Amino acid sequence: MAITREEVRHVALLFRLGLSEEDIARFQGQLSQIIDYFQILQQVDTEGIPPTSHTLPLENVMRDDEARPSYPAEDILANAPLPEGGFFRVRAVLE
């Protein structure tokens, strides 16, 4: 399915893009290819395949389900320029 130059101009207008004639010609071909790929994908039989939000199972790699002790506060604050009372002291950023 070929996208027309007018359709490219309409999309550019929706996105508030200023396109040159060369840009319009280039995007016309690229958008037409994208639509062709979608038409090929519509032919794939997906009957019986459950919908998913991700192609791979997600895991949180930053947190285990087991609680464990954190680093000692002294080690964390060792490189802080202005530690104060077990906390990081920073300059105020709000008035």
N, C-alpha and C. Protein backbone atom coordinates (compact mmCIF):
# COMPACT_ATOMS: atom_id res chain seq x y z
N MET A 1 0.86 -1.18 0.00
CA MET A 1 0.00 0.00 0.00
C MET A 1 0.90 1.23 0.00
N ALA A 2 0.73 2.06 -0.98
CA ALA A 2 1.56 3.25 -1.11
C ALA A 2 0.93 4.42 -0.36
N ILE A 3 1.74 5.13 0.37
CA ILE A 3 1.31 6.34 1.06
C ILE A 3 1.48 7.51 0.09
N THR A 4 0.50 8.38 0.03
CA THR A 4 0.58 9.51 -0.88
C THR A 4 1.36 10.66 -0.25
N ARG A 5 1.79 11.57 -1.08
CA ARG A 5 2.51 12.75 -0.60
C ARG A 5 1.59 13.59 0.31
N GLU A 6 0.31 13.62 -0.02
CA GLU A 6 -0.63 14.39 0.81
C GLU A 6 -0.74 13.76 2.20
N GLU A 7 -0.71 12.44 2.29
CA GLU A 7 -0.78 11.78 3.59
C GLU A 7 0.49 12.07 4.42
N VAL A 8 1.63 12.11 3.75
CA VAL A 8 2.87 12.45 4.45
C VAL A 8 2.80 13.88 4.96
N ARG A 9 2.29 14.78 4.14
CA ARG A 9 2.14 16.18 4.56
C ARG A 9 1.17 16.29 5.74
N HIS A 10 0.10 15.50 5.71
CA HIS A 10 -0.88 15.52 6.80
C HIS A 10 -0.25 15.04 8.10
N VAL A 11 0.52 13.95 8.04
CA VAL A 11 1.19 13.44 9.24
C VAL A 11 2.19 14.47 9.75
N ALA A 12 2.92 15.10 8.84
CA ALA A 12 3.88 16.12 9.24
C ALA A 12 3.18 17.29 9.91
N LEU A 13 2.01 17.66 9.40
CA LEU A 13 1.24 18.74 10.01
C LEU A 13 0.79 18.35 11.41
N LEU A 14 0.35 17.12 11.59
CA LEU A 14 -0.08 16.66 12.92
C LEU A 14 1.06 16.72 13.93
N PHE A 15 2.26 16.43 13.47
CA PHE A 15 3.44 16.45 14.35
C PHE A 15 4.15 17.79 14.34
N ARG A 16 3.58 18.73 13.61
CA ARG A 16 4.17 20.08 13.52
C ARG A 16 5.61 20.03 13.00
N LEU A 17 5.80 19.25 11.94
CA LEU A 17 7.11 19.12 11.31
C LEU A 17 7.14 19.91 10.02
N GLY A 18 8.20 20.62 9.80
CA GLY A 18 8.42 21.27 8.52
C GLY A 18 9.28 20.38 7.66
N LEU A 19 8.73 19.87 6.57
CA LEU A 19 9.45 18.94 5.71
C LEU A 19 9.72 19.56 4.36
N SER A 20 10.91 19.29 3.85
CA SER A 20 11.23 19.71 2.49
C SER A 20 10.64 18.68 1.52
N GLU A 21 10.67 18.99 0.24
CA GLU A 21 10.15 18.05 -0.76
C GLU A 21 10.97 16.76 -0.76
N GLU A 22 12.27 16.85 -0.51
CA GLU A 22 13.10 15.65 -0.44
C GLU A 22 12.71 14.78 0.76
N ASP A 23 12.43 15.44 1.89
CA ASP A 23 11.99 14.71 3.08
C ASP A 23 10.67 14.00 2.82
N ILE A 24 9.76 14.69 2.17
CA ILE A 24 8.45 14.10 1.88
C ILE A 24 8.61 12.87 1.01
N ALA A 25 9.46 12.96 0.00
CA ALA A 25 9.68 11.81 -0.89
C ALA A 25 10.31 10.65 -0.12
N ARG A 26 11.28 10.93 0.73
CA ARG A 26 11.94 9.88 1.51
C ARG A 26 10.96 9.23 2.48
N PHE A 27 10.20 10.05 3.22
CA PHE A 27 9.26 9.50 4.20
C PHE A 27 8.10 8.79 3.52
N GLN A 28 7.74 9.20 2.33
CA GLN A 28 6.68 8.52 1.60
C GLN A 28 7.09 7.07 1.35
N GLY A 29 8.33 6.86 0.91
CA GLY A 29 8.80 5.49 0.69
C GLY A 29 8.94 4.70 1.98
N GLN A 30 9.47 5.34 3.03
CA GLN A 30 9.66 4.64 4.30
C GLN A 30 8.33 4.26 4.95
N LEU A 31 7.38 5.19 4.95
CA LEU A 31 6.08 4.89 5.55
C LEU A 31 5.34 3.82 4.74
N SER A 32 5.50 3.83 3.44
CA SER A 32 4.87 2.79 2.61
C SER A 32 5.45 1.42 2.95
N GLN A 33 6.76 1.34 3.17
CA GLN A 33 7.38 0.07 3.55
C GLN A 33 6.87 -0.41 4.90
N ILE A 34 6.70 0.50 5.84
CA ILE A 34 6.20 0.13 7.18
C ILE A 34 4.80 -0.44 7.07
N ILE A 35 3.94 0.20 6.29
CA ILE A 35 2.56 -0.29 6.09
C ILE A 35 2.61 -1.67 5.43
N ASP A 36 3.50 -1.88 4.46
CA ASP A 36 3.62 -3.19 3.81
C ASP A 36 4.02 -4.25 4.81
N TYR A 37 4.93 -3.94 5.73
CA TYR A 37 5.34 -4.90 6.76
C TYR A 37 4.16 -5.26 7.67
N PHE A 38 3.35 -4.28 8.01
CA PHE A 38 2.18 -4.56 8.84
C PHE A 38 1.20 -5.45 8.11
N GLN A 39 1.05 -5.27 6.82
CA GLN A 39 0.15 -6.14 6.04
C GLN A 39 0.67 -7.57 6.03
N ILE A 40 1.99 -7.75 5.97
CA ILE A 40 2.57 -9.10 6.04
C ILE A 40 2.29 -9.70 7.42
N LEU A 41 2.45 -8.92 8.48
CA LEU A 41 2.21 -9.42 9.83
C LEU A 41 0.75 -9.78 10.07
N GLN A 42 -0.16 -9.12 9.39
CA GLN A 42 -1.58 -9.43 9.56
C GLN A 42 -1.92 -10.81 9.01
N GLN A 43 -1.07 -11.37 8.17
CA GLN A 43 -1.33 -12.68 7.60
C GLN A 43 -0.90 -13.81 8.53
N VAL A 44 -0.17 -13.49 9.59
CA VAL A 44 0.31 -14.51 10.52
C VAL A 44 -0.87 -15.02 11.35
N ASP A 45 -0.98 -16.35 11.45
CA ASP A 45 -2.05 -16.96 12.23
C ASP A 45 -1.71 -16.89 13.71
N THR A 46 -2.47 -16.10 14.47
CA THR A 46 -2.24 -15.95 15.90
C THR A 46 -3.37 -16.57 16.73
N GLU A 47 -4.18 -17.40 16.11
CA GLU A 47 -5.28 -18.06 16.81
C GLU A 47 -4.71 -18.98 17.89
N GLY A 48 -5.20 -18.86 19.10
CA GLY A 48 -4.77 -19.71 20.19
C GLY A 48 -3.52 -19.21 20.91
N ILE A 49 -2.99 -18.09 20.49
CA ILE A 49 -1.82 -17.53 21.16
C ILE A 49 -2.31 -16.44 22.11
N PRO A 50 -2.02 -16.57 23.42
CA PRO A 50 -2.52 -15.57 24.37
C PRO A 50 -1.80 -14.24 24.18
N PRO A 51 -2.52 -13.15 24.41
CA PRO A 51 -1.87 -11.83 24.31
C PRO A 51 -0.84 -11.65 25.42
N THR A 52 0.25 -10.97 25.09
CA THR A 52 1.30 -10.70 26.06
C THR A 52 1.73 -9.25 25.93
N SER A 53 2.25 -8.72 27.01
CA SER A 53 2.76 -7.35 26.97
C SER A 53 4.24 -7.33 26.64
N HIS A 54 4.93 -8.47 26.85
CA HIS A 54 6.35 -8.56 26.56
C HIS A 54 6.64 -9.91 25.92
N THR A 55 7.64 -9.96 25.08
CA THR A 55 7.96 -11.22 24.42
C THR A 55 8.73 -12.17 25.31
N LEU A 56 9.41 -11.64 26.32
CA LEU A 56 10.18 -12.45 27.25
C LEU A 56 9.64 -12.28 28.65
N PRO A 57 9.75 -13.31 29.48
CA PRO A 57 9.30 -13.13 30.87
C PRO A 57 10.18 -12.10 31.58
N LEU A 58 9.55 -11.25 32.37
CA LEU A 58 10.28 -10.20 33.06
C LEU A 58 10.67 -10.64 34.45
N GLU A 59 11.87 -10.26 34.84
CA GLU A 59 12.35 -10.52 36.18
C GLU A 59 13.03 -9.26 36.69
N ASN A 60 12.88 -8.99 37.97
CA ASN A 60 13.58 -7.88 38.56
C ASN A 60 14.94 -8.38 39.00
N VAL A 61 15.98 -7.95 38.32
CA VAL A 61 17.31 -8.45 38.63
C VAL A 61 17.95 -7.71 39.79
N MET A 62 17.32 -6.66 40.27
CA MET A 62 17.90 -5.85 41.34
C MET A 62 17.45 -6.29 42.73
N ARG A 63 16.44 -7.13 42.82
CA ARG A 63 15.91 -7.46 44.14
C ARG A 63 15.63 -8.95 44.24
N ASP A 64 16.17 -9.57 45.26
CA ASP A 64 15.82 -10.95 45.56
C ASP A 64 14.61 -10.95 46.49
N ASP A 65 13.98 -12.07 46.60
CA ASP A 65 12.85 -12.17 47.51
C ASP A 65 13.31 -12.36 48.96
N GLU A 66 14.59 -12.52 49.16
CA GLU A 66 15.13 -12.71 50.50
C GLU A 66 15.72 -11.40 51.02
N ALA A 67 15.37 -11.06 52.24
CA ALA A 67 15.95 -9.86 52.85
C ALA A 67 17.39 -10.15 53.25
N ARG A 68 18.24 -9.16 53.10
CA ARG A 68 19.64 -9.30 53.50
C ARG A 68 20.10 -7.97 54.05
N PRO A 69 21.14 -7.99 54.87
CA PRO A 69 21.60 -6.73 55.46
C PRO A 69 22.20 -5.81 54.39
N SER A 70 22.03 -4.52 54.60
CA SER A 70 22.59 -3.55 53.67
C SER A 70 24.04 -3.25 54.06
N TYR A 71 24.69 -2.41 53.27
CA TYR A 71 26.06 -2.01 53.57
C TYR A 71 26.07 -1.13 54.82
N PRO A 72 27.14 -1.18 55.57
CA PRO A 72 27.24 -0.30 56.74
C PRO A 72 27.25 1.17 56.31
N ALA A 73 26.59 2.00 57.10
CA ALA A 73 26.50 3.43 56.78
C ALA A 73 27.88 4.07 56.71
N GLU A 74 28.81 3.61 57.54
CA GLU A 74 30.16 4.17 57.53
C GLU A 74 30.84 3.95 56.17
N ASP A 75 30.62 2.76 55.58
CA ASP A 75 31.21 2.47 54.27
C ASP A 75 30.59 3.34 53.17
N ILE A 76 29.30 3.53 53.25
CA ILE A 76 28.60 4.33 52.25
C ILE A 76 29.04 5.79 52.33
N LEU A 77 29.17 6.31 53.55
CA LEU A 77 29.52 7.72 53.74
C LEU A 77 31.02 7.99 53.69
N ALA A 78 31.83 6.95 53.48
CA ALA A 78 33.28 7.12 53.52
C ALA A 78 33.79 8.12 52.48
N ASN A 79 33.18 8.17 51.31
CA ASN A 79 33.64 9.07 50.26
C ASN A 79 32.79 10.33 50.13
N ALA A 80 31.86 10.51 51.03
CA ALA A 80 31.01 11.70 50.97
C ALA A 80 31.82 12.93 51.37
N PRO A 81 31.68 14.04 50.64
CA PRO A 81 32.45 15.24 50.98
C PRO A 81 32.04 15.87 52.31
N LEU A 82 30.75 15.80 52.66
CA LEU A 82 30.27 16.42 53.90
C LEU A 82 29.28 15.51 54.63
N PRO A 83 29.75 14.38 55.18
CA PRO A 83 28.79 13.57 55.94
C PRO A 83 28.45 14.27 57.25
N GLU A 84 27.20 14.11 57.66
CA GLU A 84 26.79 14.76 58.91
C GLU A 84 25.72 13.91 59.58
N GLY A 85 26.02 13.41 60.74
CA GLY A 85 25.05 12.65 61.53
C GLY A 85 24.54 11.40 60.84
N GLY A 86 25.38 10.74 60.06
CA GLY A 86 24.95 9.52 59.38
C GLY A 86 24.21 9.78 58.08
N PHE A 87 24.23 11.01 57.59
CA PHE A 87 23.54 11.38 56.36
C PHE A 87 24.50 12.11 55.42
N PHE A 88 24.09 12.23 54.17
CA PHE A 88 24.82 13.06 53.22
C PHE A 88 24.37 14.50 53.39
N ARG A 89 25.29 15.40 53.55
CA ARG A 89 24.93 16.82 53.62
C ARG A 89 25.13 17.40 52.22
N VAL A 90 24.11 18.07 51.73
CA VAL A 90 24.16 18.68 50.39
C VAL A 90 23.72 20.13 50.51
N ARG A 91 24.10 20.89 49.52
CA ARG A 91 23.66 22.29 49.48
C ARG A 91 22.16 22.33 49.22
N ALA A 92 21.51 23.33 49.75
CA ALA A 92 20.08 23.49 49.51
C ALA A 92 19.84 23.85 48.05
N VAL A 93 18.84 23.22 47.45
CA VAL A 93 18.53 23.53 46.05
C VAL A 93 17.21 24.28 45.93
N LEU A 94 16.45 24.34 47.00
CA LEU A 94 15.18 25.07 47.00
C LEU A 94 15.28 26.23 47.99
N GLU A 95 14.59 27.27 47.67
CA GLU A 95 14.61 28.42 48.58
C GLU A 95 13.48 28.31 49.58
